[in-house]
Amino acid sequence: MAAASVETPAKTKTAESAKRPWPKSLSAQAAAVQSALAERAAPASEADLAKRFTAGNKTRIAELLETLASLGKARQLDDGRYVPV
């Protein structure tokens, strides 16, 4: 009797690992950062979130995270990383 072949599933990009283009407008950038933060299973730094975009600017992302925190949309942890609210 022949053994059944077992196929391993192909790797698929999850929402967290797929890179997306960096938006042009400031409001779209803020929404994209907020969305990327919410999709993460763990707290994130600006460097972590910059990896999510094809041309993410760490300085701009840091500013947007600070803005989201001031608006109550994110919270900064003691270690400097952020979580969604």
N, C-alpha and C. Protein backbone atom coordinates (compact mmCIF):
# COMPACT_ATOMS: atom_id res chain seq x y z
N MET A 1 0.85 -1.17 0.00
CA MET A 1 0.00 0.00 0.00
C MET A 1 0.90 1.24 0.00
N ALA A 2 0.60 2.21 -0.85
CA ALA A 2 1.41 3.41 -0.96
C ALA A 2 1.08 4.37 0.18
N ALA A 3 2.11 5.03 0.67
CA ALA A 3 1.91 6.00 1.75
C ALA A 3 1.29 7.28 1.19
N ALA A 4 0.39 7.83 1.94
CA ALA A 4 -0.25 9.08 1.51
C ALA A 4 0.76 10.22 1.62
N SER A 5 0.78 11.06 0.63
CA SER A 5 1.70 12.19 0.70
C SER A 5 1.10 13.29 1.57
N VAL A 6 1.95 13.91 2.33
CA VAL A 6 1.52 14.98 3.21
C VAL A 6 2.10 16.28 2.69
N GLU A 7 1.23 17.22 2.41
CA GLU A 7 1.70 18.51 1.92
C GLU A 7 1.70 19.49 3.07
N THR A 8 2.75 20.28 3.13
CA THR A 8 2.79 21.32 4.15
C THR A 8 2.15 22.56 3.59
N PRO A 9 1.37 23.26 4.41
CA PRO A 9 0.71 24.46 3.88
C PRO A 9 1.73 25.54 3.53
N ALA A 10 1.44 26.26 2.48
CA ALA A 10 2.32 27.35 2.06
C ALA A 10 2.23 28.47 3.08
N LYS A 11 3.32 29.17 3.26
CA LYS A 11 3.31 30.31 4.18
C LYS A 11 2.43 31.40 3.61
N THR A 12 1.58 31.92 4.44
CA THR A 12 0.75 33.03 4.02
C THR A 12 1.06 34.23 4.89
N LYS A 13 0.98 35.40 4.30
CA LYS A 13 1.24 36.61 5.06
C LYS A 13 0.03 36.93 5.91
N THR A 14 0.28 37.13 7.18
CA THR A 14 -0.81 37.53 8.06
C THR A 14 -0.97 39.03 7.97
N ALA A 15 -2.04 39.54 8.54
CA ALA A 15 -2.27 40.99 8.53
C ALA A 15 -1.12 41.71 9.22
N GLU A 16 -0.50 41.05 10.21
CA GLU A 16 0.58 41.70 10.94
C GLU A 16 1.89 41.72 10.16
N SER A 17 2.10 40.77 9.26
CA SER A 17 3.40 40.71 8.58
C SER A 17 3.39 41.34 7.19
N ALA A 18 2.23 41.59 6.63
CA ALA A 18 2.16 42.16 5.29
C ALA A 18 2.52 43.64 5.31
N LYS A 19 3.45 44.04 4.45
CA LYS A 19 3.82 45.45 4.37
C LYS A 19 2.80 46.19 3.52
N ARG A 20 2.53 47.41 3.92
CA ARG A 20 1.60 48.24 3.16
C ARG A 20 2.28 49.57 2.84
N PRO A 21 1.81 50.25 1.83
CA PRO A 21 2.44 51.53 1.47
C PRO A 21 2.19 52.59 2.54
N TRP A 22 3.14 53.50 2.70
CA TRP A 22 3.01 54.59 3.65
C TRP A 22 2.09 55.65 3.04
N PRO A 23 1.01 56.01 3.72
CA PRO A 23 0.06 56.99 3.18
C PRO A 23 0.69 58.37 3.00
N LYS A 24 0.13 59.16 2.10
CA LYS A 24 0.66 60.49 1.82
C LYS A 24 0.12 61.54 2.77
N SER A 25 -1.17 61.49 3.07
CA SER A 25 -1.74 62.54 3.92
C SER A 25 -1.53 62.23 5.40
N LEU A 26 -1.45 63.27 6.20
CA LEU A 26 -1.23 63.12 7.63
C LEU A 26 -2.36 62.34 8.30
N SER A 27 -3.59 62.65 7.91
CA SER A 27 -4.72 61.95 8.53
C SER A 27 -4.70 60.46 8.19
N ALA A 28 -4.33 60.13 6.97
CA ALA A 28 -4.23 58.72 6.57
C ALA A 28 -3.07 58.03 7.28
N GLN A 29 -1.98 58.76 7.51
CA GLN A 29 -0.85 58.21 8.25
C GLN A 29 -1.27 57.88 9.68
N ALA A 30 -1.99 58.81 10.32
CA ALA A 30 -2.45 58.57 11.69
C ALA A 30 -3.36 57.36 11.75
N ALA A 31 -4.27 57.24 10.80
CA ALA A 31 -5.18 56.10 10.77
C ALA A 31 -4.42 54.80 10.53
N ALA A 32 -3.42 54.84 9.68
CA ALA A 32 -2.63 53.65 9.37
C ALA A 32 -1.83 53.19 10.59
N VAL A 33 -1.25 54.14 11.31
CA VAL A 33 -0.48 53.80 12.52
C VAL A 33 -1.42 53.24 13.58
N GLN A 34 -2.57 53.86 13.76
CA GLN A 34 -3.53 53.36 14.74
C GLN A 34 -3.98 51.94 14.38
N SER A 35 -4.24 51.70 13.11
CA SER A 35 -4.66 50.38 12.64
C SER A 35 -3.55 49.35 12.84
N ALA A 36 -2.33 49.71 12.48
CA ALA A 36 -1.19 48.79 12.62
C ALA A 36 -0.96 48.45 14.09
N LEU A 37 -1.13 49.42 14.97
CA LEU A 37 -0.97 49.18 16.40
C LEU A 37 -2.06 48.24 16.90
N ALA A 38 -3.27 48.44 16.46
CA ALA A 38 -4.40 47.61 16.89
C ALA A 38 -4.27 46.16 16.40
N GLU A 39 -3.61 45.96 15.27
CA GLU A 39 -3.45 44.62 14.71
C GLU A 39 -2.39 43.79 15.42
N ARG A 40 -1.53 44.45 16.17
CA ARG A 40 -0.45 43.73 16.84
C ARG A 40 -0.94 43.00 18.07
N ALA A 41 -0.37 41.84 18.32
CA ALA A 41 -0.73 41.05 19.50
C ALA A 41 0.07 41.47 20.72
N ALA A 42 1.09 42.30 20.52
CA ALA A 42 1.97 42.72 21.61
C ALA A 42 2.22 44.22 21.50
N PRO A 43 2.68 44.84 22.58
CA PRO A 43 3.03 46.27 22.52
C PRO A 43 4.05 46.52 21.41
N ALA A 44 4.03 47.75 20.87
CA ALA A 44 4.89 48.06 19.73
C ALA A 44 5.63 49.37 19.92
N SER A 45 6.83 49.43 19.38
CA SER A 45 7.61 50.66 19.33
C SER A 45 7.44 51.27 17.95
N GLU A 46 7.96 52.49 17.77
CA GLU A 46 7.88 53.10 16.44
C GLU A 46 8.66 52.27 15.42
N ALA A 47 9.76 51.65 15.84
CA ALA A 47 10.54 50.81 14.92
C ALA A 47 9.74 49.58 14.50
N ASP A 48 9.01 48.99 15.46
CA ASP A 48 8.17 47.82 15.13
C ASP A 48 7.12 48.20 14.08
N LEU A 49 6.50 49.35 14.27
CA LEU A 49 5.44 49.76 13.35
C LEU A 49 6.01 50.21 12.01
N ALA A 50 7.19 50.80 12.01
CA ALA A 50 7.81 51.24 10.76
C ALA A 50 8.05 50.05 9.83
N LYS A 51 8.31 48.89 10.40
CA LYS A 51 8.53 47.68 9.60
C LYS A 51 7.27 47.24 8.86
N ARG A 52 6.12 47.74 9.28
CA ARG A 52 4.84 47.37 8.67
C ARG A 52 4.58 48.09 7.35
N PHE A 53 5.37 49.14 7.08
CA PHE A 53 5.13 49.98 5.91
C PHE A 53 6.33 49.94 4.98
N THR A 54 6.08 50.12 3.69
CA THR A 54 7.16 50.08 2.71
C THR A 54 8.09 51.28 2.85
N ALA A 55 7.59 52.40 3.33
CA ALA A 55 8.44 53.58 3.49
C ALA A 55 8.09 54.30 4.79
N GLY A 56 7.94 53.53 5.86
CA GLY A 56 7.57 54.11 7.15
C GLY A 56 8.69 54.95 7.73
N ASN A 57 8.38 56.13 8.19
CA ASN A 57 9.33 57.05 8.78
C ASN A 57 9.21 56.94 10.30
N LYS A 58 10.27 56.43 10.97
CA LYS A 58 10.21 56.20 12.41
C LYS A 58 9.94 57.49 13.19
N THR A 59 10.50 58.60 12.74
CA THR A 59 10.28 59.86 13.43
C THR A 59 8.81 60.27 13.34
N ARG A 60 8.22 60.17 12.16
CA ARG A 60 6.81 60.52 11.98
C ARG A 60 5.92 59.56 12.77
N ILE A 61 6.26 58.27 12.75
CA ILE A 61 5.46 57.29 13.48
C ILE A 61 5.52 57.58 14.98
N ALA A 62 6.69 57.96 15.50
CA ALA A 62 6.81 58.31 16.92
C ALA A 62 5.92 59.50 17.25
N GLU A 63 5.91 60.51 16.38
CA GLU A 63 5.05 61.68 16.59
C GLU A 63 3.58 61.29 16.56
N LEU A 64 3.21 60.42 15.64
CA LEU A 64 1.82 59.99 15.54
C LEU A 64 1.41 59.15 16.75
N LEU A 65 2.31 58.32 17.25
CA LEU A 65 2.01 57.54 18.45
C LEU A 65 1.79 58.46 19.65
N GLU A 66 2.63 59.50 19.77
CA GLU A 66 2.45 60.48 20.85
C GLU A 66 1.10 61.18 20.71
N THR A 67 0.74 61.53 19.49
CA THR A 67 -0.54 62.19 19.25
C THR A 67 -1.69 61.26 19.59
N LEU A 68 -1.62 60.00 19.16
CA LEU A 68 -2.67 59.04 19.48
C LEU A 68 -2.80 58.86 20.99
N ALA A 69 -1.67 58.85 21.69
CA ALA A 69 -1.71 58.72 23.15
C ALA A 69 -2.37 59.94 23.79
N SER A 70 -2.07 61.13 23.27
CA SER A 70 -2.66 62.34 23.83
C SER A 70 -4.16 62.41 23.58
N LEU A 71 -4.62 61.74 22.53
CA LEU A 71 -6.05 61.70 22.19
C LEU A 71 -6.78 60.53 22.85
N GLY A 72 -6.04 59.71 23.59
CA GLY A 72 -6.65 58.57 24.25
C GLY A 72 -6.87 57.37 23.35
N LYS A 73 -6.20 57.34 22.20
CA LYS A 73 -6.35 56.23 21.25
C LYS A 73 -5.25 55.17 21.41
N ALA A 74 -4.21 55.51 22.19
CA ALA A 74 -3.10 54.60 22.46
C ALA A 74 -2.58 54.95 23.86
N ARG A 75 -1.83 54.01 24.44
CA ARG A 75 -1.24 54.25 25.75
C ARG A 75 0.22 53.86 25.69
N GLN A 76 1.08 54.74 26.21
CA GLN A 76 2.51 54.44 26.23
C GLN A 76 2.85 53.71 27.52
N LEU A 77 3.56 52.59 27.39
CA LEU A 77 4.00 51.81 28.53
C LEU A 77 5.29 52.39 29.10
N ASP A 78 5.67 51.93 30.29
CA ASP A 78 6.88 52.43 30.92
C ASP A 78 8.13 52.19 30.10
N ASP A 79 8.13 51.14 29.27
CA ASP A 79 9.31 50.83 28.45
C ASP A 79 9.33 51.60 27.13
N GLY A 80 8.35 52.48 26.92
CA GLY A 80 8.33 53.31 25.72
C GLY A 80 7.50 52.76 24.59
N ARG A 81 7.08 51.50 24.67
CA ARG A 81 6.24 50.92 23.63
C ARG A 81 4.80 51.34 23.86
N TYR A 82 3.96 51.12 22.84
CA TYR A 82 2.57 51.54 22.87
C TYR A 82 1.64 50.36 22.70
N VAL A 83 0.43 50.53 23.26
CA VAL A 83 -0.65 49.56 23.07
C VAL A 83 -1.90 50.35 22.66
N PRO A 84 -2.80 49.74 21.92
CA PRO A 84 -4.04 50.45 21.55
C PRO A 84 -4.96 50.55 22.75
N VAL A 85 -5.83 51.54 22.71
CA VAL A 85 -6.82 51.72 23.79
C VAL A 85 -8.20 51.48 23.22
